[in-house]
PDB file of N, CA and C in Angstrom:
ATOM      1  N   UNK A   1      -9.935   2.908  11.767  1.00  0.00           N
ATOM      2  CA  UNK A   1      -9.369   1.920  10.871  1.00  0.00           C
ATOM      3  C   UNK A   1      -9.249   2.505   9.467  1.00  0.00           C
ATOM      4  N   UNK A   2      -8.430   1.852   8.674  1.00  0.00           N
ATOM      5  CA  UNK A   2      -8.182   2.297   7.307  1.00  0.00           C
ATOM      6  C   UNK A   2      -8.013   1.077   6.405  1.00  0.00           C
ATOM      7  N   UNK A   3      -7.670   1.321   5.179  1.00  0.00           N
ATOM      8  CA  UNK A   3      -7.398   0.222   4.248  1.00  0.00           C
ATOM      9  C   UNK A   3      -5.912  -0.087   4.254  1.00  0.00           C
ATOM     10  N   UNK A   4      -5.579  -1.325   3.898  1.00  0.00           N
ATOM     11  CA  UNK A   4      -4.214  -1.837   3.933  1.00  0.00           C
ATOM     12  C   UNK A   4      -3.925  -2.537   2.611  1.00  0.00           C
ATOM     13  N   UNK A   5      -2.718  -2.380   2.112  1.00  0.00           N
ATOM     14  CA  UNK A   5      -2.286  -3.100   0.924  1.00  0.00           C
ATOM     15  C   UNK A   5      -1.370  -4.224   1.387  1.00  0.00           C
ATOM     16  N   UNK A   6      -1.753  -5.461   1.083  1.00  0.00           N
ATOM     17  CA  UNK A   6      -1.050  -6.639   1.601  1.00  0.00           C
ATOM     18  C   UNK A   6      -0.098  -7.253   0.567  1.00  0.00           C
ATOM     19  N   UNK A   7       0.396  -8.418   0.887  1.00  0.00           N
ATOM     20  CA  UNK A   7       1.440  -9.118   0.138  1.00  0.00           C
ATOM     21  C   UNK A   7       1.182  -9.278  -1.355  1.00  0.00           C
ATOM     22  N   UNK A   8      -0.037  -9.512  -1.841  1.00  0.00           N
ATOM     23  CA  UNK A   8      -0.198  -9.708  -3.286  1.00  0.00           C
ATOM     24  C   UNK A   8       0.272  -8.525  -4.143  1.00  0.00           C
ATOM     25  N   UNK A   9       0.434  -7.357  -3.551  1.00  0.00           N
ATOM     26  CA  UNK A   9       0.912  -6.187  -4.292  1.00  0.00           C
ATOM     27  C   UNK A   9       2.428  -6.197  -4.485  1.00  0.00           C
ATOM     28  N   UNK A  10       3.145  -6.909  -3.650  1.00  0.00           N
ATOM     29  CA  UNK A  10       4.607  -6.891  -3.693  1.00  0.00           C
ATOM     30  C   UNK A  10       5.090  -7.351  -5.072  1.00  0.00           C
ATOM     31  N   UNK A  11       5.903  -6.543  -5.691  1.00  0.00           N
ATOM     32  CA  UNK A  11       6.490  -6.756  -7.016  1.00  0.00           C
ATOM     33  C   UNK A  11       5.468  -6.731  -8.148  1.00  0.00           C
ATOM     34  N   UNK A  12       4.222  -6.296  -7.860  1.00  0.00           N
ATOM     35  CA  UNK A  12       3.198  -6.183  -8.897  1.00  0.00           C
ATOM     36  C   UNK A  12       2.898  -4.704  -9.153  1.00  0.00           C
ATOM     37  N   UNK A  13       2.485  -3.990  -8.109  1.00  0.00           N
ATOM     38  CA  UNK A  13       2.208  -2.552  -8.149  1.00  0.00           C
ATOM     39  C   UNK A  13       1.415  -2.132  -9.386  1.00  0.00           C
ATOM     40  N   UNK A  14       0.227  -2.652  -9.552  1.00  0.00           N
ATOM     41  CA  UNK A  14      -0.617  -2.365 -10.721  1.00  0.00           C
ATOM     42  C   UNK A  14      -0.974  -0.886 -10.873  1.00  0.00           C
ATOM     43  N   UNK A  15      -1.150  -0.171  -9.794  1.00  0.00           N
ATOM     44  CA  UNK A  15      -1.431   1.269  -9.743  1.00  0.00           C
ATOM     45  C   UNK A  15      -2.868   1.675 -10.088  1.00  0.00           C
ATOM     46  N   UNK A  16      -3.756   0.730 -10.374  1.00  0.00           N
ATOM     47  CA  UNK A  16      -5.159   1.089 -10.634  1.00  0.00           C
ATOM     48  C   UNK A  16      -5.755   1.781  -9.416  1.00  0.00           C
ATOM     49  N   UNK A  17      -5.319   1.386  -8.234  1.00  0.00           N
ATOM     50  CA  UNK A  17      -5.821   1.988  -7.000  1.00  0.00           C
ATOM     51  C   UNK A  17      -5.422   3.457  -6.891  1.00  0.00           C
ATOM     52  N   UNK A  18      -4.247   3.791  -7.377  1.00  0.00           N
ATOM     53  CA  UNK A  18      -3.774   5.180  -7.333  1.00  0.00           C
ATOM     54  C   UNK A  18      -4.699   6.064  -8.164  1.00  0.00           C
ATOM     55  N   UNK A  19      -5.068   5.583  -9.347  1.00  0.00           N
ATOM     56  CA  UNK A  19      -5.956   6.347 -10.220  1.00  0.00           C
ATOM     57  C   UNK A  19      -7.342   6.535  -9.608  1.00  0.00           C
ATOM     58  N   UNK A  20      -7.773   5.579  -8.794  1.00  0.00           N
ATOM     59  CA  UNK A  20      -9.120   5.608  -8.219  1.00  0.00           C
ATOM     60  C   UNK A  20      -9.203   6.398  -6.910  1.00  0.00           C
ATOM     61  N   UNK A  21      -8.100   6.548  -6.210  1.00  0.00           N
ATOM     62  CA  UNK A  21      -8.103   7.191  -4.888  1.00  0.00           C
ATOM     63  C   UNK A  21      -8.429   8.687  -4.989  1.00  0.00           C
ATOM     64  N   UNK A  22      -9.522   9.125  -4.354  1.00  0.00           N
ATOM     65  CA  UNK A  22      -9.910  10.539  -4.453  1.00  0.00           C
ATOM     66  C   UNK A  22      -9.080  11.475  -3.578  1.00  0.00           C
ATOM     67  N   UNK A  23      -8.298  10.925  -2.636  1.00  0.00           N
ATOM     68  CA  UNK A  23      -7.531  11.788  -1.740  1.00  0.00           C
ATOM     69  C   UNK A  23      -6.019  11.638  -1.894  1.00  0.00           C
ATOM     70  N   UNK A  24      -5.568  10.890  -2.904  1.00  0.00           N
ATOM     71  CA  UNK A  24      -4.140  10.794  -3.223  1.00  0.00           C
ATOM     72  C   UNK A  24      -3.310  10.267  -2.043  1.00  0.00           C
ATOM     73  N   UNK A  25      -3.818   9.213  -1.377  1.00  0.00           N
ATOM     74  CA  UNK A  25      -3.125   8.711  -0.180  1.00  0.00           C
ATOM     75  C   UNK A  25      -2.355   7.409  -0.420  1.00  0.00           C
ATOM     76  N   UNK A  26      -2.237   6.976  -1.679  1.00  0.00           N
ATOM     77  CA  UNK A  26      -1.517   5.730  -1.978  1.00  0.00           C
ATOM     78  C   UNK A  26      -0.157   6.080  -2.557  1.00  0.00           C
ATOM     79  N   UNK A  27       0.873   5.712  -1.809  1.00  0.00           N
ATOM     80  CA  UNK A  27       2.253   6.044  -2.139  1.00  0.00           C
ATOM     81  C   UNK A  27       2.966   4.824  -2.713  1.00  0.00           C
ATOM     82  N   UNK A  28       3.911   5.081  -3.594  1.00  0.00           N
ATOM     83  CA  UNK A  28       4.639   3.998  -4.235  1.00  0.00           C
ATOM     84  C   UNK A  28       6.008   3.802  -3.600  1.00  0.00           C
ATOM     85  N   UNK A  29       6.256   2.574  -3.143  1.00  0.00           N
ATOM     86  CA  UNK A  29       7.579   2.196  -2.686  1.00  0.00           C
ATOM     87  C   UNK A  29       8.283   1.447  -3.807  1.00  0.00           C
ATOM     88  N   UNK A  30       9.525   1.062  -3.618  1.00  0.00           N
ATOM     89  CA  UNK A  30      10.242   0.348  -4.668  1.00  0.00           C
ATOM     90  C   UNK A  30       9.560  -0.954  -5.117  1.00  0.00           C
ATOM     91  N   UNK A  31       8.919  -1.668  -4.171  1.00  0.00           N
ATOM     92  CA  UNK A  31       8.331  -2.967  -4.520  1.00  0.00           C
ATOM     93  C   UNK A  31       6.849  -3.102  -4.185  1.00  0.00           C
ATOM     94  N   UNK A  32       6.257  -2.127  -3.490  1.00  0.00           N
ATOM     95  CA  UNK A  32       4.876  -2.231  -3.023  1.00  0.00           C
ATOM     96  C   UNK A  32       4.270  -0.842  -2.914  1.00  0.00           C
ATOM     97  N   UNK A  33       2.949  -0.783  -3.021  1.00  0.00           N
ATOM     98  CA  UNK A  33       2.215   0.460  -2.781  1.00  0.00           C
ATOM     99  C   UNK A  33       1.769   0.484  -1.321  1.00  0.00           C
ATOM    100  N   UNK A  34       1.673   1.676  -0.739  1.00  0.00           N
ATOM    101  CA  UNK A  34       1.331   1.852   0.672  1.00  0.00           C
ATOM    102  C   UNK A  34       0.239   2.900   0.822  1.00  0.00           C
ATOM    103  N   UNK A  35      -0.723   2.644   1.694  1.00  0.00           N
ATOM    104  CA  UNK A  35      -1.772   3.615   2.003  1.00  0.00           C
ATOM    105  C   UNK A  35      -1.384   4.371   3.266  1.00  0.00           C
ATOM    106  N   UNK A  36      -1.313   5.689   3.159  1.00  0.00           N
ATOM    107  CA  UNK A  36      -0.996   6.525   4.317  1.00  0.00           C
ATOM    108  C   UNK A  36      -2.265   6.588   5.166  1.00  0.00           C
ATOM    109  N   UNK A  37      -2.267   5.939   6.342  1.00  0.00           N
ATOM    110  CA  UNK A  37      -3.501   5.804   7.120  1.00  0.00           C
ATOM    111  C   UNK A  37      -4.099   7.113   7.621  1.00  0.00           C
ATOM    112  N   UNK A  38      -3.288   8.134   7.839  1.00  0.00           N
ATOM    113  CA  UNK A  38      -3.818   9.415   8.304  1.00  0.00           C
ATOM    114  C   UNK A  38      -4.479  10.205   7.175  1.00  0.00           C
ATOM    115  N   UNK A  39      -4.146   9.885   5.947  1.00  0.00           N
ATOM    116  CA  UNK A  39      -4.710  10.584   4.795  1.00  0.00           C
ATOM    117  C   UNK A  39      -5.900   9.836   4.194  1.00  0.00           C
ATOM    118  N   UNK A  40      -5.995   8.537   4.442  1.00  0.00           N
ATOM    119  CA  UNK A  40      -7.083   7.717   3.906  1.00  0.00           C
ATOM    120  C   UNK A  40      -8.405   8.117   4.556  1.00  0.00           C
ATOM    121  N   UNK A  41      -9.447   8.258   3.741  1.00  0.00           N
ATOM    122  CA  UNK A  41     -10.772   8.628   4.255  1.00  0.00           C
ATOM    123  C   UNK A  41     -11.714   7.427   4.306  1.00  0.00           C
ATOM    124  N   UNK A  42     -11.165   6.235   4.158  1.00  0.00           N
ATOM    125  CA  UNK A  42     -11.929   4.982   4.247  1.00  0.00           C
ATOM    126  C   UNK A  42     -13.081   4.899   3.251  1.00  0.00           C
ATOM    127  N   UNK A  43     -12.912   5.456   2.069  1.00  0.00           N
ATOM    128  CA  UNK A  43     -13.989   5.431   1.075  1.00  0.00           C
ATOM    129  C   UNK A  43     -14.112   4.067   0.402  1.00  0.00           C
ATOM    130  N   UNK A  44     -13.016   3.304   0.354  1.00  0.00           N
ATOM    131  CA  UNK A  44     -13.046   1.978  -0.242  1.00  0.00           C
ATOM    132  C   UNK A  44     -12.961   1.958  -1.755  1.00  0.00           C
ATOM    133  N   UNK A  45     -12.742   3.087  -2.401  1.00  0.00           N
ATOM    134  CA  UNK A  45     -12.693   3.137  -3.863  1.00  0.00           C
ATOM    135  C   UNK A  45     -11.550   2.300  -4.432  1.00  0.00           C
ATOM    136  N   UNK A  46     -10.488   2.162  -3.695  1.00  0.00           N
ATOM    137  CA  UNK A  46      -9.315   1.427  -4.170  1.00  0.00           C
ATOM    138  C   UNK A  46      -9.514  -0.089  -4.184  1.00  0.00           C
ATOM    139  N   UNK A  47     -10.269  -0.598  -3.261  1.00  0.00           N
ATOM    140  CA  UNK A  47     -10.392  -2.048  -3.074  1.00  0.00           C
ATOM    141  C   UNK A  47     -10.917  -2.789  -4.305  1.00  0.00           C
ATOM    142  N   UNK A  48     -12.034  -2.386  -4.903  1.00  0.00           N
ATOM    143  CA  UNK A  48     -12.563  -3.179  -6.014  1.00  0.00           C
ATOM    144  C   UNK A  48     -11.751  -3.100  -7.306  1.00  0.00           C
ATOM    145  N   UNK A  49     -10.894  -2.101  -7.458  1.00  0.00           N
ATOM    146  CA  UNK A  49     -10.130  -1.971  -8.699  1.00  0.00           C
ATOM    147  C   UNK A  49      -8.788  -2.703  -8.656  1.00  0.00           C
ATOM    148  N   UNK A  50      -8.407  -3.235  -7.528  1.00  0.00           N
ATOM    149  CA  UNK A  50      -7.124  -3.930  -7.404  1.00  0.00           C
ATOM    150  C   UNK A  50      -7.215  -5.291  -8.106  1.00  0.00           C
ATOM    151  N   UNK A  51      -6.451  -5.489  -9.184  1.00  0.00           N
ATOM    152  CA  UNK A  51      -6.564  -6.738  -9.944  1.00  0.00           C
ATOM    153  C   UNK A  51      -6.003  -7.964  -9.225  1.00  0.00           C
ATOM    154  N   UNK A  52      -5.173  -7.752  -8.207  1.00  0.00           N
ATOM    155  CA  UNK A  52      -4.601  -8.888  -7.471  1.00  0.00           C
ATOM    156  C   UNK A  52      -5.238  -9.048  -6.097  1.00  0.00           C
ATOM    157  N   UNK A  53      -6.292  -8.283  -5.830  1.00  0.00           N
ATOM    158  CA  UNK A  53      -7.024  -8.352  -4.565  1.00  0.00           C
ATOM    159  C   UNK A  53      -6.097  -8.241  -3.351  1.00  0.00           C
ATOM    160  N   UNK A  54      -5.287  -7.197  -3.361  1.00  0.00           N
ATOM    161  CA  UNK A  54      -4.319  -6.967  -2.293  1.00  0.00           C
ATOM    162  C   UNK A  54      -4.799  -5.957  -1.257  1.00  0.00           C
ATOM    163  N   UNK A  55      -5.927  -5.282  -1.501  1.00  0.00           N
ATOM    164  CA  UNK A  55      -6.387  -4.215  -0.619  1.00  0.00           C
ATOM    165  C   UNK A  55      -7.536  -4.711   0.247  1.00  0.00           C
ATOM    166  N   UNK A  56      -7.382  -4.468   1.557  1.00  0.00           N
ATOM    167  CA  UNK A  56      -8.365  -4.933   2.540  1.00  0.00           C
ATOM    168  C   UNK A  56      -8.638  -3.832   3.545  1.00  0.00           C
ATOM    169  N   UNK A  57      -9.876  -3.803   4.076  1.00  0.00           N
ATOM    170  CA  UNK A  57     -10.136  -2.986   5.248  1.00  0.00           C
ATOM    171  C   UNK A  57      -9.274  -3.583   6.356  1.00  0.00           C
ATOM    172  N   UNK A  58      -8.681  -2.772   7.193  1.00  0.00           N
ATOM    173  CA  UNK A  58      -7.708  -3.249   8.179  1.00  0.00           C
ATOM    174  C   UNK A  58      -8.209  -4.411   9.030  1.00  0.00           C
ATOM    175  N   UNK A  59      -9.477  -4.387   9.401  1.00  0.00           N
ATOM    176  CA  UNK A  59     -10.015  -5.478  10.217  1.00  0.00           C
ATOM    177  C   UNK A  59     -10.227  -6.764   9.422  1.00  0.00           C
ATOM    178  N   UNK A  60     -10.155  -6.686   8.094  1.00  0.00           N
ATOM    179  CA  UNK A  60     -10.433  -7.839   7.240  1.00  0.00           C
ATOM    180  C   UNK A  60      -9.204  -8.434   6.570  1.00  0.00           C
ATOM    181  N   UNK A  61      -8.017  -7.992   6.956  1.00  0.00           N
ATOM    182  CA  UNK A  61      -6.793  -8.549   6.366  1.00  0.00           C
ATOM    183  C   UNK A  61      -6.710 -10.028   6.743  1.00  0.00           C
ATOM    184  N   UNK A  62      -6.524 -10.914   5.753  1.00  0.00           N
ATOM    185  CA  UNK A  62      -6.410 -12.341   6.073  1.00  0.00           C
ATOM    186  C   UNK A  62      -5.256 -12.613   7.032  1.00  0.00           C
ATOM    187  N   UNK A  63      -5.432 -13.619   7.872  1.00  0.00           N
ATOM    188  CA  UNK A  63      -4.437 -13.953   8.902  1.00  0.00           C
ATOM    189  C   UNK A  63      -3.044 -14.159   8.327  1.00  0.00           C
ATOM    190  N   UNK A  64      -2.957 -14.735   7.141  1.00  0.00           N
ATOM    191  CA  UNK A  64      -1.646 -15.002   6.543  1.00  0.00           C
ATOM    192  C   UNK A  64      -0.872 -13.732   6.213  1.00  0.00           C
ATOM    193  N   UNK A  65      -1.569 -12.598   6.104  1.00  0.00           N
ATOM    194  CA  UNK A  65      -0.922 -11.322   5.798  1.00  0.00           C
ATOM    195  C   UNK A  65      -1.107 -10.308   6.924  1.00  0.00           C
ATOM    196  N   UNK A  66      -1.371 -10.770   8.117  1.00  0.00           N
ATOM    197  CA  UNK A  66      -1.648  -9.914   9.273  1.00  0.00           C
ATOM    198  C   UNK A  66      -0.563  -8.859   9.499  1.00  0.00           C
ATOM    199  N   UNK A  67       0.699  -9.215   9.284  1.00  0.00           N
ATOM    200  CA  UNK A  67       1.777  -8.253   9.554  1.00  0.00           C
ATOM    201  C   UNK A  67       1.732  -7.041   8.617  1.00  0.00           C
ATOM    202  N   UNK A  68       1.013  -7.144   7.520  1.00  0.00           N
ATOM    203  CA  UNK A  68       0.879  -5.989   6.625  1.00  0.00           C
ATOM    204  C   UNK A  68      -0.026  -4.912   7.216  1.00  0.00           C
ATOM    205  N   UNK A  69      -0.799  -5.239   8.231  1.00  0.00           N
ATOM    206  CA  UNK A  69      -1.648  -4.235   8.887  1.00  0.00           C
ATOM    207  C   UNK A  69      -0.800  -3.111   9.463  1.00  0.00           C
ATOM    208  N   UNK A  70       0.389  -3.429   9.942  1.00  0.00           N
ATOM    209  CA  UNK A  70       1.240  -2.385  10.520  1.00  0.00           C
ATOM    210  C   UNK A  70       2.266  -1.836   9.530  1.00  0.00           C
ATOM    211  N   UNK A  71       2.539  -2.562   8.451  1.00  0.00           N
ATOM    212  CA  UNK A  71       3.546  -2.099   7.484  1.00  0.00           C
ATOM    213  C   UNK A  71       3.155  -0.754   6.882  1.00  0.00           C
ATOM    214  N   UNK A  72       1.873  -0.606   6.508  1.00  0.00           N
ATOM    215  CA  UNK A  72       1.446   0.651   5.901  1.00  0.00           C
ATOM    216  C   UNK A  72       1.509   1.806   6.898  1.00  0.00           C
ATOM    217  N   UNK A  73       1.375   1.539   8.171  1.00  0.00           N
ATOM    218  CA  UNK A  73       1.492   2.585   9.184  1.00  0.00           C
ATOM    219  C   UNK A  73       2.958   2.878   9.489  1.00  0.00           C
ATOM    220  N   UNK A  74       3.730   1.830   9.689  1.00  0.00           N
ATOM    221  CA  UNK A  74       5.132   1.995  10.086  1.00  0.00           C
ATOM    222  C   UNK A  74       5.997   2.649   9.012  1.00  0.00           C
ATOM    223  N   UNK A  75       5.682   2.446   7.745  1.00  0.00           N
ATOM    224  CA  UNK A  75       6.488   3.041   6.676  1.00  0.00           C
ATOM    225  C   UNK A  75       6.437   4.568   6.724  1.00  0.00           C
ATOM    226  N   UNK A  76       5.347   5.116   7.299  1.00  0.00           N
ATOM    227  CA  UNK A  76       5.197   6.568   7.390  1.00  0.00           C
ATOM    228  C   UNK A  76       5.644   7.130   8.740  1.00  0.00           C
ATOM    229  N   UNK A  77       6.184   6.296   9.612  1.00  0.00           N
ATOM    230  CA  UNK A  77       6.592   6.747  10.952  1.00  0.00           C
ATOM    231  C   UNK A  77       7.607   7.880  10.899  1.00  0.00           C
ATOM    232  N   UNK A  78       8.518   7.842   9.959  1.00  0.00           N
ATOM    233  CA  UNK A  78       9.550   8.881   9.907  1.00  0.00           C
ATOM    234  C   UNK A  78       9.172  10.057   9.010  1.00  0.00           C
ATOM    235  N   UNK A  79       8.328   9.817   8.002  1.00  0.00           N
ATOM    236  CA  UNK A  79       7.997  10.919   7.092  1.00  0.00           C
ATOM    237  C   UNK A  79       6.654  11.561   7.396  1.00  0.00           C
ATOM    238  N   UNK A  80       5.859  10.920   8.240  1.00  0.00           N
ATOM    239  CA  UNK A  80       4.568  11.493   8.636  1.00  0.00           C
ATOM    240  C   UNK A  80       3.558  11.482   7.521  1.00  0.00           C
ATOM    241  N   UNK A  81       2.813  12.549   7.407  1.00  0.00           N
ATOM    242  CA  UNK A  81       1.763  12.680   6.407  1.00  0.00           C
ATOM    243  C   UNK A  81       2.190  13.736   5.393  1.00  0.00           C
ATOM    244  N   UNK A  82       2.759  13.303   4.262  1.00  0.00           N
ATOM    245  CA  UNK A  82       3.252  14.261   3.270  1.00  0.00           C
ATOM    246  C   UNK A  82       2.166  15.115   2.617  1.00  0.00           C
ATOM    247  N   UNK A  83       0.908  14.709   2.748  1.00  0.00           N
ATOM    248  CA  UNK A  83      -0.170  15.515   2.196  1.00  0.00           C
ATOM    249  C   UNK A  83      -0.522  15.207   0.757  1.00  0.00           C
ATOM    250  N   UNK A  84      -0.208  14.016   0.320  1.00  0.00           N
ATOM    251  CA  UNK A  84      -0.567  13.595  -1.033  1.00  0.00           C
ATOM    252  C   UNK A  84       0.597  12.961  -1.752  1.00  0.00           C
ATOM    253  N   UNK A  85       0.353  11.801  -2.309  1.00  0.00           N
ATOM    254  CA  UNK A  85       1.410  11.033  -2.962  1.00  0.00           C
ATOM    255  C   UNK A  85       1.946  11.701  -4.217  1.00  0.00           C
ATOM    256  N   UNK A  86       1.083  12.329  -4.993  1.00  0.00           N
ATOM    257  CA  UNK A  86       1.539  12.894  -6.263  1.00  0.00           C
ATOM    258  C   UNK A  86       2.564  14.007  -6.067  1.00  0.00           C
ATOM    259  N   UNK A  87       2.460  14.741  -4.982  1.00  0.00           N
ATOM    260  CA  UNK A  87       3.422  15.800  -4.706  1.00  0.00           C
ATOM    261  C   UNK A  87       4.662  15.330  -3.979  1.00  0.00           C
ATOM    262  N   UNK A  88       4.582  14.163  -3.342  1.00  0.00           N
ATOM    263  CA  UNK A  88       5.705  13.671  -2.537  1.00  0.00           C
ATOM    264  C   UNK A  88       6.690  12.829  -3.329  1.00  0.00           C
ATOM    265  N   UNK A  89       6.238  12.207  -4.391  1.00  0.00           N
ATOM    266  CA  UNK A  89       7.114  11.319  -5.150  1.00  0.00           C
ATOM    267  C   UNK A  89       7.227   9.970  -4.476  1.00  0.00           C
ATOM    268  N   UNK A  90       7.959   9.059  -5.105  1.00  0.00           N
ATOM    269  CA  UNK A  90       8.070   7.695  -4.570  1.00  0.00           C
ATOM    270  C   UNK A  90       8.820   7.644  -3.235  1.00  0.00           C
ATOM    271  N   UNK A  91       8.481   6.654  -2.435  1.00  0.00           N
ATOM    272  CA  UNK A  91       9.197   6.415  -1.181  1.00  0.00           C
ATOM    273  C   UNK A  91      10.582   5.860  -1.513  1.00  0.00           C
ATOM    274  N   UNK A  92      11.559   6.209  -0.708  1.00  0.00           N
ATOM    275  CA  UNK A  92      12.937   5.766  -0.962  1.00  0.00           C
ATOM    276  C   UNK A  92      13.129   4.280  -0.688  1.00  0.00           C
ATOM    277  N   UNK A  93      12.437   3.772   0.322  1.00  0.00           N
ATOM    278  CA  UNK A  93      12.621   2.382   0.733  1.00  0.00           C
ATOM    279  C   UNK A  93      11.273   1.737   0.997  1.00  0.00           C
ATOM    280  N   UNK A  94      11.281   0.411   0.979  1.00  0.00           N
ATOM    281  CA  UNK A  94      10.105  -0.353   1.377  1.00  0.00           C
ATOM    282  C   UNK A  94      10.189  -0.661   2.869  1.00  0.00           C
ATOM    283  N   UNK A  95       9.071  -1.052   3.440  1.00  0.00           N
ATOM    284  CA  UNK A  95       9.025  -1.535   4.814  1.00  0.00           C
ATOM    285  C   UNK A  95       9.926  -2.774   4.893  1.00  0.00           C
ATOM    286  N   UNK A  96      10.614  -3.010   6.013  1.00  0.00           N
ATOM    287  CA  UNK A  96      11.483  -4.185   6.142  1.00  0.00           C
ATOM    288  C   UNK A  96      10.785  -5.516   5.838  1.00  0.00           C
ATOM    289  N   UNK A  97       9.511  -5.611   6.131  1.00  0.00           N
ATOM    290  CA  UNK A  97       8.744  -6.818   5.826  1.00  0.00           C
ATOM    291  C   UNK A  97       8.761  -7.091   4.321  1.00  0.00           C
ATOM    292  N   UNK A  98       8.582  -6.059   3.533  1.00  0.00           N
ATOM    293  CA  UNK A  98       8.576  -6.180   2.076  1.00  0.00           C
ATOM    294  C   UNK A  98       9.993  -6.379   1.549  1.00  0.00           C
ATOM    295  N   UNK A  99      10.930  -5.606   2.058  1.00  0.00           N
ATOM    296  CA  UNK A  99      12.317  -5.700   1.603  1.00  0.00           C
ATOM    297  C   UNK A  99      12.913  -7.080   1.842  1.00  0.00           C
ATOM    298  N   UNK A 100      12.460  -7.773   2.868  1.00  0.00           N
ATOM    299  CA  UNK A 100      12.997  -9.092   3.199  1.00  0.00           C
ATOM    300  C   UNK A 100      12.428 -10.202   2.316  1.00  0.00           C
ATOM    301  N   UNK A 101      11.337  -9.947   1.622  1.00  0.00           N
ATOM    302  CA  UNK A 101      10.728 -10.968   0.762  1.00  0.00           C
ATOM    303  C   UNK A 101      11.579 -11.212  -0.469  1.00  0.00           C
ATOM    304  N   UNK A 102      11.699 -12.466  -0.903  1.00  0.00           N
ATOM    305  CA  UNK A 102      12.383 -12.723  -2.166  1.00  0.00           C
ATOM    306  C   UNK A 102      11.618 -12.045  -3.306  1.00  0.00           C
ATOM    307  N   UNK A 103      12.342 -11.511  -4.253  1.00  0.00           N
ATOM    308  CA  UNK A 103      11.710 -10.838  -5.390  1.00  0.00           C
ATOM    309  C   UNK A 103      11.032 -11.853  -6.298  1.00  0.00           C
ATOM    310  N   UNK A 104       9.866 -11.467  -6.808  1.00  0.00           N
ATOM    311  CA  UNK A 104       9.164 -12.305  -7.767  1.00  0.00           C
ATOM    312  C   UNK A 104       9.863 -12.196  -9.130  1.00  0.00           C
ATOM    313  N   UNK A 105       9.833 -13.283  -9.862  1.00  0.00           N
ATOM    314  CA  UNK A 105      10.367 -13.268 -11.211  1.00  0.00           C
ATOM    315  C   UNK A 105       9.411 -12.468 -12.098  1.00  0.00           C
ATOM    316  N   UNK A 106       9.930 -11.631 -12.975  1.00  0.00           N
ATOM    317  CA  UNK A 106       9.042 -10.874 -13.873  1.00  0.00           C
ATOM    318  C   UNK A 106       8.259 -11.821 -14.785  1.00  0.00           C
ATOM    319  N   UNK A 107       6.991 -11.478 -14.995  1.00  0.00           N
ATOM    320  CA  UNK A 107       6.140 -12.277 -15.865  1.00  0.00           C
ATOM    321  C   UNK A 107       6.281 -11.765 -17.303  1.00  0.00           C
ATOM    322  N   UNK A 108       6.341 -12.694 -18.274  1.00  0.00           N
ATOM    323  CA  UNK A 108       6.491 -12.254 -19.682  1.00  0.00           C
ATOM    324  C   UNK A 108       5.264 -11.535 -20.186  1.00  0.00           C
TER     325      UNK A 108
END
């Protein structure tokens, strides 16, 4: 199992988790951050720093966001394990689950 970034991150992308991750496994999509499950070492450093409480251990994802358990895995199906987010750059697209969500209005 690994950690998962769920719906509260969509259109927020605070990035505090990226700074805290010791293995550089959190990638940025256009609207959401994604944890590459093969690169994650399950240290949990990202979870407590998330200001919107969007990061969960995979077995602990709330039922209302259950489909996000596979979004972080499926987004990497075609690109595999790039070996670190900082060297790979942003993802070109979001997972269809995220892309289908209405965009949040920007907060002042």
